[in-house]
Amino acid sequence: MQFNNQALFPKLACLNIQLGKACAVMKSPCILHLNLHREHFAAIVAGTKRIEYRDQSPHWRSRLEGKAYDVIQFRNGYAAKAPEMTVKFLGVRRYGRGKGAYYAIRLGPVLAVKGWRE
């Protein structure tokens, strides 16, 4: 009996970049989910903020290094009706060493905005 791994584990393609499997195999894009404060959310919507920074920690290392994302889904808060925005993912760069190290997530154009009032 053969199993269709994509049917059983549809999000697995995001994790299999090391094996050469890309998100293009899937019908839905690989999405990086991030939360933002209102001021940073507004700056990205306005197009003035093109890079999102995150500290280099084991948590962010596991989510960013070696992964292939298509888009970033930003939320302004944790409420059920929180504003959301979809932005094209252009890549991530690592800067610094030690305690001052950080990731720079490069943002592409804003693709969609939902529930946002300035």
PDB file of N, CA and C in Angstrom:
ATOM      1  N   MET A   1       0.845  -1.182   0.000  1.00  0.00           N
ATOM      2  CA  MET A   1       0.000   0.000   0.000  1.00  0.00           C
ATOM      3  C   MET A   1       0.890   1.244   0.000  1.00  0.00           C
ATOM      4  N   GLN A   2       0.655   2.182  -0.923  1.00  0.00           N
ATOM      5  CA  GLN A   2       1.428   3.399  -1.002  1.00  0.00           C
ATOM      6  C   GLN A   2       0.666   4.550  -0.352  1.00  0.00           C
ATOM      7  N   PHE A   3       1.421   5.430   0.299  1.00  0.00           N
ATOM      8  CA  PHE A   3       0.834   6.605   0.920  1.00  0.00           C
ATOM      9  C   PHE A   3       1.264   7.846   0.157  1.00  0.00           C
ATOM     10  N   ASN A   4       0.355   8.762   0.017  1.00  0.00           N
ATOM     11  CA  ASN A   4       0.657  10.046  -0.597  1.00  0.00           C
ATOM     12  C   ASN A   4       1.035  11.003   0.531  1.00  0.00           C
ATOM     13  N   ASN A   5       2.338  11.250   0.697  1.00  0.00           N
ATOM     14  CA  ASN A   5       2.812  12.092   1.795  1.00  0.00           C
ATOM     15  C   ASN A   5       2.285  13.515   1.717  1.00  0.00           C
ATOM     16  N   GLN A   6       2.099  14.045   0.500  1.00  0.00           N
ATOM     17  CA  GLN A   6       1.597  15.411   0.388  1.00  0.00           C
ATOM     18  C   GLN A   6       0.148  15.502   0.846  1.00  0.00           C
ATOM     19  N   ALA A   7      -0.621  14.462   0.641  1.00  0.00           N
ATOM     20  CA  ALA A   7      -2.013  14.470   1.094  1.00  0.00           C
ATOM     21  C   ALA A   7      -2.070  14.344   2.616  1.00  0.00           C
ATOM     22  N   LEU A   8      -1.173  13.524   3.184  1.00  0.00           N
ATOM     23  CA  LEU A   8      -1.168  13.326   4.632  1.00  0.00           C
ATOM     24  C   LEU A   8      -0.530  14.497   5.376  1.00  0.00           C
ATOM     25  N   PHE A   9       0.523  15.068   4.808  1.00  0.00           N
ATOM     26  CA  PHE A   9       1.271  16.134   5.460  1.00  0.00           C
ATOM     27  C   PHE A   9       1.482  17.285   4.480  1.00  0.00           C
ATOM     28  N   PRO A  10       0.456  18.108   4.209  1.00  0.00           N
ATOM     29  CA  PRO A  10       0.567  19.149   3.189  1.00  0.00           C
ATOM     30  C   PRO A  10       1.608  20.215   3.493  1.00  0.00           C
ATOM     31  N   LYS A  11       1.908  20.474   4.757  1.00  0.00           N
ATOM     32  CA  LYS A  11       2.888  21.510   5.107  1.00  0.00           C
ATOM     33  C   LYS A  11       4.309  20.974   5.085  1.00  0.00           C
ATOM     34  N   LEU A  12       4.481  19.690   4.841  1.00  0.00           N
ATOM     35  CA  LEU A  12       5.794  19.067   4.888  1.00  0.00           C
ATOM     36  C   LEU A  12       6.742  19.623   3.842  1.00  0.00           C
ATOM     37  N   ALA A  13       6.229  20.090   2.715  1.00  0.00           N
ATOM     38  CA  ALA A  13       7.097  20.602   1.658  1.00  0.00           C
ATOM     39  C   ALA A  13       7.892  21.806   2.121  1.00  0.00           C
ATOM     40  N   CYS A  14       7.359  22.600   3.041  1.00  0.00           N
ATOM     41  CA  CYS A  14       8.100  23.737   3.579  1.00  0.00           C
ATOM     42  C   CYS A  14       9.340  23.265   4.330  1.00  0.00           C
ATOM     43  N   LEU A  15       9.258  22.116   4.928  1.00  0.00           N
ATOM     44  CA  LEU A  15      10.351  21.611   5.744  1.00  0.00           C
ATOM     45  C   LEU A  15      11.354  20.788   4.952  1.00  0.00           C
ATOM     46  N   ASN A  16      11.034  20.416   3.727  1.00  0.00           N
ATOM     47  CA  ASN A  16      11.875  19.512   2.967  1.00  0.00           C
ATOM     48  C   ASN A  16      12.795  20.206   1.979  1.00  0.00           C
ATOM     49  N   ILE A  17      13.151  21.452   2.214  1.00  0.00           N
ATOM     50  CA  ILE A  17      14.013  22.144   1.275  1.00  0.00           C
ATOM     51  C   ILE A  17      15.393  21.493   1.218  1.00  0.00           C
ATOM     52  N   GLN A  18      15.857  20.896   2.332  1.00  0.00           N
ATOM     53  CA  GLN A  18      17.156  20.242   2.340  1.00  0.00           C
ATOM     54  C   GLN A  18      17.168  19.053   1.387  1.00  0.00           C
ATOM     55  N   LEU A  19      16.048  18.455   1.134  1.00  0.00           N
ATOM     56  CA  LEU A  19      15.956  17.307   0.248  1.00  0.00           C
ATOM     57  C   LEU A  19      15.691  17.707  -1.196  1.00  0.00           C
ATOM     58  N   GLY A  20      15.644  18.996  -1.455  1.00  0.00           N
ATOM     59  CA  GLY A  20      15.435  19.479  -2.813  1.00  0.00           C
ATOM     60  C   GLY A  20      13.978  19.629  -3.198  1.00  0.00           C
ATOM     61  N   LYS A  21      13.071  19.436  -2.266  1.00  0.00           N
ATOM     62  CA  LYS A  21      11.653  19.601  -2.564  1.00  0.00           C
ATOM     63  C   LYS A  21      11.278  21.048  -2.285  1.00  0.00           C
ATOM     64  N   ALA A  22      10.694  21.718  -3.243  1.00  0.00           N
ATOM     65  CA  ALA A  22      10.337  23.129  -3.083  1.00  0.00           C
ATOM     66  C   ALA A  22       8.849  23.271  -2.849  1.00  0.00           C
ATOM     67  N   CYS A  23       8.457  24.468  -2.464  1.00  0.00           N
ATOM     68  CA  CYS A  23       7.046  24.742  -2.224  1.00  0.00           C
ATOM     69  C   CYS A  23       6.244  24.730  -3.516  1.00  0.00           C
ATOM     70  N   ALA A  24       6.917  24.803  -4.652  1.00  0.00           N
ATOM     71  CA  ALA A  24       6.209  24.783  -5.934  1.00  0.00           C
ATOM     72  C   ALA A  24       5.476  23.458  -6.139  1.00  0.00           C
ATOM     73  N   VAL A  25       5.914  22.423  -5.427  1.00  0.00           N
ATOM     74  CA  VAL A  25       5.257  21.125  -5.518  1.00  0.00           C
ATOM     75  C   VAL A  25       3.841  21.221  -4.964  1.00  0.00           C
ATOM     76  N   MET A  26       3.671  22.081  -3.969  1.00  0.00           N
ATOM     77  CA  MET A  26       2.362  22.251  -3.333  1.00  0.00           C
ATOM     78  C   MET A  26       1.536  23.274  -4.098  1.00  0.00           C
ATOM     79  N   LYS A  27       0.229  23.200  -3.955  1.00  0.00           N
ATOM     80  CA  LYS A  27      -0.651  24.170  -4.595  1.00  0.00           C
ATOM     81  C   LYS A  27      -0.727  25.468  -3.791  1.00  0.00           C
ATOM     82  N   SER A  28      -0.550  25.396  -2.471  1.00  0.00           N
ATOM     83  CA  SER A  28      -0.607  26.588  -1.646  1.00  0.00           C
ATOM     84  C   SER A  28       0.815  27.055  -1.329  1.00  0.00           C
ATOM     85  N   PRO A  29       1.013  28.371  -1.155  1.00  0.00           N
ATOM     86  CA  PRO A  29       2.360  28.878  -0.889  1.00  0.00           C
ATOM     87  C   PRO A  29       2.810  28.558   0.535  1.00  0.00           C
ATOM     88  N   CYS A  30       4.117  28.517   0.731  1.00  0.00           N
ATOM     89  CA  CYS A  30       4.688  28.364   2.072  1.00  0.00           C
ATOM     90  C   CYS A  30       4.652  29.740   2.731  1.00  0.00           C
ATOM     91  N   ILE A  31       4.072  29.806   3.912  1.00  0.00           N
ATOM     92  CA  ILE A  31       3.822  31.084   4.572  1.00  0.00           C
ATOM     93  C   ILE A  31       4.585  31.166   5.883  1.00  0.00           C
ATOM     94  N   LEU A  32       5.289  32.287   6.085  1.00  0.00           N
ATOM     95  CA  LEU A  32       5.932  32.598   7.354  1.00  0.00           C
ATOM     96  C   LEU A  32       4.973  33.510   8.105  1.00  0.00           C
ATOM     97  N   HIS A  33       4.524  33.093   9.283  1.00  0.00           N
ATOM     98  CA  HIS A  33       3.574  33.879  10.080  1.00  0.00           C
ATOM     99  C   HIS A  33       4.330  34.682  11.135  1.00  0.00           C
ATOM    100  N   LEU A  34       4.118  36.013  11.141  1.00  0.00           N
ATOM    101  CA  LEU A  34       4.765  36.900  12.098  1.00  0.00           C
ATOM    102  C   LEU A  34       3.754  37.900  12.649  1.00  0.00           C
ATOM    103  N   ASN A  35       3.937  38.281  13.913  1.00  0.00           N
ATOM    104  CA  ASN A  35       3.119  39.319  14.543  1.00  0.00           C
ATOM    105  C   ASN A  35       3.932  40.599  14.657  1.00  0.00           C
ATOM    106  N   LEU A  36       3.247  41.730  14.547  1.00  0.00           N
ATOM    107  CA  LEU A  36       3.906  43.039  14.595  1.00  0.00           C
ATOM    108  C   LEU A  36       3.138  44.006  15.478  1.00  0.00           C
ATOM    109  N   HIS A  37       3.877  44.979  16.031  1.00  0.00           N
ATOM    110  CA  HIS A  37       3.237  46.113  16.703  1.00  0.00           C
ATOM    111  C   HIS A  37       2.649  47.026  15.631  1.00  0.00           C
ATOM    112  N   ARG A  38       1.697  47.849  16.036  1.00  0.00           N
ATOM    113  CA  ARG A  38       0.966  48.705  15.106  1.00  0.00           C
ATOM    114  C   ARG A  38       1.877  49.622  14.282  1.00  0.00           C
ATOM    115  N   GLU A  39       2.872  50.243  14.897  1.00  0.00           N
ATOM    116  CA  GLU A  39       3.728  51.186  14.178  1.00  0.00           C
ATOM    117  C   GLU A  39       4.523  50.503  13.062  1.00  0.00           C
ATOM    118  N   HIS A  40       4.998  49.292  13.308  1.00  0.00           N
ATOM    119  CA  HIS A  40       5.747  48.563  12.284  1.00  0.00           C
ATOM    120  C   HIS A  40       4.813  48.040  11.188  1.00  0.00           C
ATOM    121  N   PHE A  41       3.623  47.616  11.580  1.00  0.00           N
ATOM    122  CA  PHE A  41       2.614  47.165  10.620  1.00  0.00           C
ATOM    123  C   PHE A  41       2.265  48.311   9.668  1.00  0.00           C
ATOM    124  N   ALA A  42       2.032  49.498  10.222  1.00  0.00           N
ATOM    125  CA  ALA A  42       1.673  50.677   9.423  1.00  0.00           C
ATOM    126  C   ALA A  42       2.802  51.059   8.472  1.00  0.00           C
ATOM    127  N   ALA A  43       4.054  50.953   8.924  1.00  0.00           N
ATOM    128  CA  ALA A  43       5.195  51.310   8.076  1.00  0.00           C
ATOM    129  C   ALA A  43       5.333  50.354   6.889  1.00  0.00           C
ATOM    130  N   ILE A  44       5.060  49.083   7.097  1.00  0.00           N
ATOM    131  CA  ILE A  44       5.129  48.114   5.996  1.00  0.00           C
ATOM    132  C   ILE A  44       3.996  48.356   5.006  1.00  0.00           C
ATOM    133  N   VAL A  45       2.792  48.618   5.519  1.00  0.00           N
ATOM    134  CA  VAL A  45       1.649  48.912   4.636  1.00  0.00           C
ATOM    135  C   VAL A  45       1.945  50.149   3.788  1.00  0.00           C
ATOM    136  N   ALA A  46       2.557  51.175   4.409  1.00  0.00           N
ATOM    137  CA  ALA A  46       2.871  52.418   3.703  1.00  0.00           C
ATOM    138  C   ALA A  46       4.035  52.253   2.728  1.00  0.00           C
ATOM    139  N   GLY A  47       4.808  51.183   2.870  1.00  0.00           N
ATOM    140  CA  GLY A  47       5.946  50.943   1.982  1.00  0.00           C
ATOM    141  C   GLY A  47       7.237  51.578   2.424  1.00  0.00           C
ATOM    142  N   THR A  48       7.281  52.109   3.645  1.00  0.00           N
ATOM    143  CA  THR A  48       8.502  52.750   4.136  1.00  0.00           C
ATOM    144  C   THR A  48       9.433  51.777   4.855  1.00  0.00           C
ATOM    145  N   LYS A  49       8.939  50.643   5.271  1.00  0.00           N
ATOM    146  CA  LYS A  49       9.757  49.639   5.954  1.00  0.00           C
ATOM    147  C   LYS A  49       9.900  48.441   5.030  1.00  0.00           C
ATOM    148  N   ARG A  50      11.123  48.145   4.585  1.00  0.00           N
ATOM    149  CA  ARG A  50      11.369  47.073   3.624  1.00  0.00           C
ATOM    150  C   ARG A  50      12.097  45.879   4.246  1.00  0.00           C
ATOM    151  N   ILE A  51      12.499  45.996   5.516  1.00  0.00           N
ATOM    152  CA  ILE A  51      13.208  44.917   6.209  1.00  0.00           C
ATOM    153  C   ILE A  51      12.625  44.758   7.601  1.00  0.00           C
ATOM    154  N   GLU A  52      12.372  43.516   7.992  1.00  0.00           N
ATOM    155  CA  GLU A  52      11.901  43.203   9.346  1.00  0.00           C
ATOM    156  C   GLU A  52      13.042  42.490  10.057  1.00  0.00           C
ATOM    157  N   TYR A  53      13.359  42.953  11.272  1.00  0.00           N
ATOM    158  CA  TYR A  53      14.486  42.405  12.025  1.00  0.00           C
ATOM    159  C   TYR A  53      14.009  41.490  13.144  1.00  0.00           C
ATOM    160  N   ARG A  54      14.751  40.411  13.363  1.00  0.00           N
ATOM    161  CA  ARG A  54      14.497  39.498  14.479  1.00  0.00           C
ATOM    162  C   ARG A  54      15.827  39.114  15.093  1.00  0.00           C
ATOM    163  N   ASP A  55      15.872  38.996  16.424  1.00  0.00           N
ATOM    164  CA  ASP A  55      17.089  38.573  17.107  1.00  0.00           C
ATOM    165  C   ASP A  55      17.489  37.178  16.668  1.00  0.00           C
ATOM    166  N   GLN A  56      18.789  36.935  16.664  1.00  0.00           N
ATOM    167  CA  GLN A  56      19.256  35.594  16.317  1.00  0.00           C
ATOM    168  C   GLN A  56      19.206  34.741  17.583  1.00  0.00           C
ATOM    169  N   SER A  57      18.211  33.889  17.651  1.00  0.00           N
ATOM    170  CA  SER A  57      18.015  33.005  18.797  1.00  0.00           C
ATOM    171  C   SER A  57      17.702  31.607  18.264  1.00  0.00           C
ATOM    172  N   PRO A  58      17.745  30.589  19.107  1.00  0.00           N
ATOM    173  CA  PRO A  58      17.394  29.245  18.637  1.00  0.00           C
ATOM    174  C   PRO A  58      15.988  29.184  18.025  1.00  0.00           C
ATOM    175  N   HIS A  59      15.043  29.938  18.586  1.00  0.00           N
ATOM    176  CA  HIS A  59      13.676  29.965  18.048  1.00  0.00           C
ATOM    177  C   HIS A  59      13.661  30.467  16.607  1.00  0.00           C
ATOM    178  N   TRP A  60      14.279  31.634  16.369  1.00  0.00           N
ATOM    179  CA  TRP A  60      14.259  32.212  15.025  1.00  0.00           C
ATOM    180  C   TRP A  60      15.168  31.447  14.088  1.00  0.00           C
ATOM    181  N   ARG A  61      16.238  30.864  14.584  1.00  0.00           N
ATOM    182  CA  ARG A  61      17.114  30.036  13.742  1.00  0.00           C
ATOM    183  C   ARG A  61      16.317  28.862  13.161  1.00  0.00           C
ATOM    184  N   SER A  62      15.503  28.217  13.988  1.00  0.00           N
ATOM    185  CA  SER A  62      14.731  27.068  13.517  1.00  0.00           C
ATOM    186  C   SER A  62      13.643  27.473  12.524  1.00  0.00           C
ATOM    187  N   ARG A  63      13.156  28.704  12.618  1.00  0.00           N
ATOM    188  CA  ARG A  63      12.088  29.154  11.719  1.00  0.00           C
ATOM    189  C   ARG A  63      12.596  29.784  10.431  1.00  0.00           C
ATOM    190  N   LEU A  64      13.841  30.294  10.440  1.00  0.00           N
ATOM    191  CA  LEU A  64      14.308  31.054   9.286  1.00  0.00           C
ATOM    192  C   LEU A  64      15.418  30.389   8.474  1.00  0.00           C
ATOM    193  N   GLU A  65      16.365  29.765   9.117  1.00  0.00           N
ATOM    194  CA  GLU A  65      17.514  29.222   8.390  1.00  0.00           C
ATOM    195  C   GLU A  65      17.145  27.944   7.644  1.00  0.00           C
ATOM    196  N   GLY A  66      17.506  27.896   6.370  1.00  0.00           N
ATOM    197  CA  GLY A  66      17.279  26.718   5.556  1.00  0.00           C
ATOM    198  C   GLY A  66      15.840  26.519   5.111  1.00  0.00           C
ATOM    199  N   LYS A  67      15.005  27.514   5.275  1.00  0.00           N
ATOM    200  CA  LYS A  67      13.594  27.418   4.885  1.00  0.00           C
ATOM    201  C   LYS A  67      13.352  28.223   3.609  1.00  0.00           C
ATOM    202  N   ALA A  68      12.379  27.813   2.845  1.00  0.00           N
ATOM    203  CA  ALA A  68      11.994  28.533   1.627  1.00  0.00           C
ATOM    204  C   ALA A  68      10.536  28.958   1.775  1.00  0.00           C
ATOM    205  N   TYR A  69      10.319  30.242   1.966  1.00  0.00           N
ATOM    206  CA  TYR A  69       8.965  30.772   2.077  1.00  0.00           C
ATOM    207  C   TYR A  69       8.626  31.540   0.814  1.00  0.00           C
ATOM    208  N   ASP A  70       7.349  31.593   0.494  1.00  0.00           N
ATOM    209  CA  ASP A  70       6.870  32.376  -0.645  1.00  0.00           C
ATOM    210  C   ASP A  70       6.378  33.743  -0.187  1.00  0.00           C
ATOM    211  N   VAL A  71       5.627  33.765   0.911  1.00  0.00           N
ATOM    212  CA  VAL A  71       5.051  35.003   1.431  1.00  0.00           C
ATOM    213  C   VAL A  71       5.159  35.043   2.951  1.00  0.00           C
ATOM    214  N   ILE A  72       4.977  36.248   3.484  1.00  0.00           N
ATOM    215  CA  ILE A  72       4.925  36.457   4.931  1.00  0.00           C
ATOM    216  C   ILE A  72       3.533  36.946   5.269  1.00  0.00           C
ATOM    217  N   GLN A  73       2.911  36.331   6.254  1.00  0.00           N
ATOM    218  CA  GLN A  73       1.593  36.741   6.735  1.00  0.00           C
ATOM    219  C   GLN A  73       1.801  37.501   8.047  1.00  0.00           C
ATOM    220  N   PHE A  74       1.665  38.828   8.016  1.00  0.00           N
ATOM    221  CA  PHE A  74       1.809  39.657   9.207  1.00  0.00           C
ATOM    222  C   PHE A  74       0.450  39.869   9.844  1.00  0.00           C
ATOM    223  N   ARG A  75       0.419  39.867  11.180  1.00  0.00           N
ATOM    224  CA  ARG A  75      -0.787  40.195  11.940  1.00  0.00           C
ATOM    225  C   ARG A  75      -0.439  41.285  12.935  1.00  0.00           C
ATOM    226  N   ASN A  76      -1.365  42.197  13.129  1.00  0.00           N
ATOM    227  CA  ASN A  76      -1.203  43.257  14.112  1.00  0.00           C
ATOM    228  C   ASN A  76      -1.973  42.860  15.367  1.00  0.00           C
ATOM    229  N   GLY A  77      -1.394  41.971  16.158  1.00  0.00           N
ATOM    230  CA  GLY A  77      -2.025  41.515  17.389  1.00  0.00           C
ATOM    231  C   GLY A  77      -2.495  40.080  17.288  1.00  0.00           C
ATOM    232  N   TYR A  78      -3.142  39.631  18.369  1.00  0.00           N
ATOM    233  CA  TYR A  78      -3.573  38.237  18.463  1.00  0.00           C
ATOM    234  C   TYR A  78      -5.095  38.072  18.435  1.00  0.00           C
ATOM    235  N   ALA A  79      -5.835  39.157  18.307  1.00  0.00           N
ATOM    236  CA  ALA A  79      -7.293  39.072  18.298  1.00  0.00           C
ATOM    237  C   ALA A  79      -7.782  38.332  17.060  1.00  0.00           C
ATOM    238  N   ALA A  80      -8.962  37.770  17.148  1.00  0.00           N
ATOM    239  CA  ALA A  80      -9.530  37.028  16.025  1.00  0.00           C
ATOM    240  C   ALA A  80      -9.720  37.924  14.796  1.00  0.00           C
ATOM    241  N   LYS A  81     -10.037  39.194  15.017  1.00  0.00           N
ATOM    242  CA  LYS A  81     -10.258  40.127  13.910  1.00  0.00           C
ATOM    243  C   LYS A  81      -9.090  41.105  13.740  1.00  0.00           C
ATOM    244  N   ALA A  82      -7.884  40.686  14.097  1.00  0.00           N
ATOM    245  CA  ALA A  82      -6.705  41.545  13.973  1.00  0.00           C
ATOM    246  C   ALA A  82      -6.402  41.809  12.502  1.00  0.00           C
ATOM    247  N   PRO A  83      -5.909  43.009  12.182  1.00  0.00           N
ATOM    248  CA  PRO A  83      -5.533  43.301  10.804  1.00  0.00           C
ATOM    249  C   PRO A  83      -4.446  42.341  10.320  1.00  0.00           C
ATOM    250  N   GLU A  84      -4.528  41.979   9.054  1.00  0.00           N
ATOM    251  CA  GLU A  84      -3.559  41.062   8.451  1.00  0.00           C
ATOM    252  C   GLU A  84      -3.034  41.647   7.156  1.00  0.00           C
ATOM    253  N   MET A  85      -1.829  41.223   6.795  1.00  0.00           N
ATOM    254  CA  MET A  85      -1.215  41.683   5.557  1.00  0.00           C
ATOM    255  C   MET A  85      -0.347  40.555   5.014  1.00  0.00           C
ATOM    256  N   THR A  86      -0.363  40.381   3.703  1.00  0.00           N
ATOM    257  CA  THR A  86       0.480  39.394   3.038  1.00  0.00           C
ATOM    258  C   THR A  86       1.522  40.136   2.214  1.00  0.00           C
ATOM    259  N   VAL A  87       2.784  39.764   2.427  1.00  0.00           N
ATOM    260  CA  VAL A  87       3.910  40.422   1.773  1.00  0.00           C
ATOM    261  C   VAL A  87       4.781  39.358   1.110  1.00  0.00           C
ATOM    262  N   LYS A  88       5.323  39.667  -0.039  1.00  0.00           N
ATOM    263  CA  LYS A  88       6.220  38.731  -0.723  1.00  0.00           C
ATOM    264  C   LYS A  88       7.518  38.592   0.076  1.00  0.00           C
ATOM    265  N   PHE A  89       7.970  37.363   0.265  1.00  0.00           N
ATOM    266  CA  PHE A  89       9.210  37.057   0.977  1.00  0.00           C
ATOM    267  C   PHE A  89      10.364  37.066  -0.022  1.00  0.00           C
ATOM    268  N   LEU A  90      11.377  37.914   0.231  1.00  0.00           N
ATOM    269  CA  LEU A  90      12.521  38.017  -0.672  1.00  0.00           C
ATOM    270  C   LEU A  90      13.766  37.321  -0.149  1.00  0.00           C
ATOM    271  N   GLY A  91      13.735  36.877   1.089  1.00  0.00           N
ATOM    272  CA  GLY A  91      14.893  36.183   1.647  1.00  0.00           C
ATOM    273  C   GLY A  91      15.248  36.697   3.028  1.00  0.00           C
ATOM    274  N   VAL A  92      16.231  36.039   3.625  1.00  0.00           N
ATOM    275  CA  VAL A  92      16.683  36.416   4.967  1.00  0.00           C
ATOM    276  C   VAL A  92      18.202  36.427   4.991  1.00  0.00           C
ATOM    277  N   ARG A  93      18.761  37.394   5.706  1.00  0.00           N
ATOM    278  CA  ARG A  93      20.208  37.502   5.876  1.00  0.00           C
ATOM    279  C   ARG A  93      20.528  37.512   7.363  1.00  0.00           C
ATOM    280  N   ARG A  94      21.688  36.978   7.675  1.00  0.00           N
ATOM    281  CA  ARG A  94      22.137  36.923   9.071  1.00  0.00           C
ATOM    282  C   ARG A  94      23.286  37.906   9.242  1.00  0.00           C
ATOM    283  N   TYR A  95      23.231  38.714  10.301  1.00  0.00           N
ATOM    284  CA  TYR A  95      24.258  39.716  10.566  1.00  0.00           C
ATOM    285  C   TYR A  95      24.769  39.582  11.989  1.00  0.00           C
ATOM    286  N   GLY A  96      26.044  39.886  12.181  1.00  0.00           N
ATOM    287  CA  GLY A  96      26.635  39.951  13.508  1.00  0.00           C
ATOM    288  C   GLY A  96      26.984  38.599  14.097  1.00  0.00           C
ATOM    289  N   ARG A  97      27.594  38.694  15.296  1.00  0.00           N
ATOM    290  CA  ARG A  97      27.963  37.504  16.061  1.00  0.00           C
ATOM    291  C   ARG A  97      27.671  37.765  17.530  1.00  0.00           C
ATOM    292  N   GLY A  98      27.480  36.703  18.250  1.00  0.00           N
ATOM    293  CA  GLY A  98      27.260  36.822  19.687  1.00  0.00           C
ATOM    294  C   GLY A  98      25.902  37.419  20.022  1.00  0.00           C
ATOM    295  N   LYS A  99      25.872  38.217  21.102  1.00  0.00           N
ATOM    296  CA  LYS A  99      24.597  38.763  21.571  1.00  0.00           C
ATOM    297  C   LYS A  99      23.986  39.795  20.633  1.00  0.00           C
ATOM    298  N   GLY A 100      24.788  40.423  19.801  1.00  0.00           N
ATOM    299  CA  GLY A 100      24.273  41.444  18.890  1.00  0.00           C
ATOM    300  C   GLY A 100      23.819  40.911  17.548  1.00  0.00           C
ATOM    301  N   ALA A 101      23.818  39.603  17.364  1.00  0.00           N
ATOM    302  CA  ALA A 101      23.458  39.016  16.070  1.00  0.00           C
ATOM    303  C   ALA A 101      21.957  39.131  15.818  1.00  0.00           C
ATOM    304  N   TYR A 102      21.599  39.294  14.551  1.00  0.00           N
ATOM    305  CA  TYR A 102      20.188  39.419  14.201  1.00  0.00           C
ATOM    306  C   TYR A 102      19.948  38.931  12.776  1.00  0.00           C
ATOM    307  N   TYR A 103      18.679  38.703  12.455  1.00  0.00           N
ATOM    308  CA  TYR A 103      18.238  38.338  11.114  1.00  0.00           C
ATOM    309  C   TYR A 103      17.562  39.540  10.482  1.00  0.00           C
ATOM    310  N   ALA A 104      17.804  39.738   9.198  1.00  0.00           N
ATOM    311  CA  ALA A 104      17.129  40.777   8.426  1.00  0.00           C
ATOM    312  C   ALA A 104      16.272  40.068   7.377  1.00  0.00           C
ATOM    313  N   ILE A 105      14.964  40.136   7.549  1.00  0.00           N
ATOM    314  CA  ILE A 105      14.025  39.501   6.623  1.00  0.00           C
ATOM    315  C   ILE A 105      13.648  40.545   5.576  1.00  0.00           C
ATOM    316  N   ARG A 106      14.023  40.284   4.328  1.00  0.00           N
ATOM    317  CA  ARG A 106      13.765  41.238   3.250  1.00  0.00           C
ATOM    318  C   ARG A 106      12.334  41.099   2.745  1.00  0.00           C
ATOM    319  N   LEU A 107      11.637  42.225   2.685  1.00  0.00           N
ATOM    320  CA  LEU A 107      10.219  42.247   2.315  1.00  0.00           C
ATOM    321  C   LEU A 107      10.035  42.741   0.891  1.00  0.00           C
ATOM    322  N   GLY A 108       9.190  42.062   0.155  1.00  0.00           N
ATOM    323  CA  GLY A 108       8.832  42.474  -1.193  1.00  0.00           C
ATOM    324  C   GLY A 108       7.593  43.349  -1.155  1.00  0.00           C
ATOM    325  N   PRO A 109       6.872  43.420  -2.244  1.00  0.00           N
ATOM    326  CA  PRO A 109       5.667  44.247  -2.275  1.00  0.00           C
ATOM    327  C   PRO A 109       4.545  43.666  -1.414  1.00  0.00           C
ATOM    328  N   VAL A 110       3.693  44.556  -0.931  1.00  0.00           N
ATOM    329  CA  VAL A 110       2.512  44.135  -0.169  1.00  0.00           C
ATOM    330  C   VAL A 110       1.510  43.570  -1.167  1.00  0.00           C
ATOM    331  N   LEU A 111       1.094  42.332  -0.948  1.00  0.00           N
ATOM    332  CA  LEU A 111       0.186  41.659  -1.873  1.00  0.00           C
ATOM    333  C   LEU A 111      -1.279  41.830  -1.491  1.00  0.00           C
ATOM    334  N   ALA A 112      -1.560  41.881  -0.182  1.00  0.00           N
ATOM    335  CA  ALA A 112      -2.948  42.025   0.278  1.00  0.00           C
ATOM    336  C   ALA A 112      -2.959  42.579   1.696  1.00  0.00           C
ATOM    337  N   VAL A 113      -3.979  43.378   1.999  1.00  0.00           N
ATOM    338  CA  VAL A 113      -4.191  43.922   3.343  1.00  0.00           C
ATOM    339  C   VAL A 113      -5.650  43.679   3.712  1.00  0.00           C
ATOM    340  N   LYS A 114      -5.887  43.186   4.930  1.00  0.00           N
ATOM    341  CA  LYS A 114      -7.243  42.859   5.356  1.00  0.00           C
ATOM    342  C   LYS A 114      -7.500  43.434   6.755  1.00  0.00           C
ATOM    343  N   GLY A 115      -8.587  44.163   6.901  1.00  0.00           N
ATOM    344  CA  GLY A 115      -9.005  44.667   8.203  1.00  0.00           C
ATOM    345  C   GLY A 115      -8.181  45.810   8.757  1.00  0.00           C
ATOM    346  N   TRP A 116      -7.482  46.532   7.914  1.00  0.00           N
ATOM    347  CA  TRP A 116      -6.607  47.607   8.379  1.00  0.00           C
ATOM    348  C   TRP A 116      -7.257  48.967   8.191  1.00  0.00           C
ATOM    349  N   ARG A 117      -7.300  49.747   9.279  1.00  0.00           N
ATOM    350  CA  ARG A 117      -7.765  51.131   9.238  1.00  0.00           C
ATOM    351  C   ARG A 117      -6.669  51.985   9.817  1.00  0.00           C
ATOM    352  N   GLU A 118      -6.229  52.992   9.085  1.00  0.00           N
ATOM    353  CA  GLU A 118      -5.136  53.835   9.569  1.00  0.00           C
ATOM    354  C   GLU A 118      -5.551  54.775  10.654  1.00  0.00           C
TER     355      GLU A 118
END
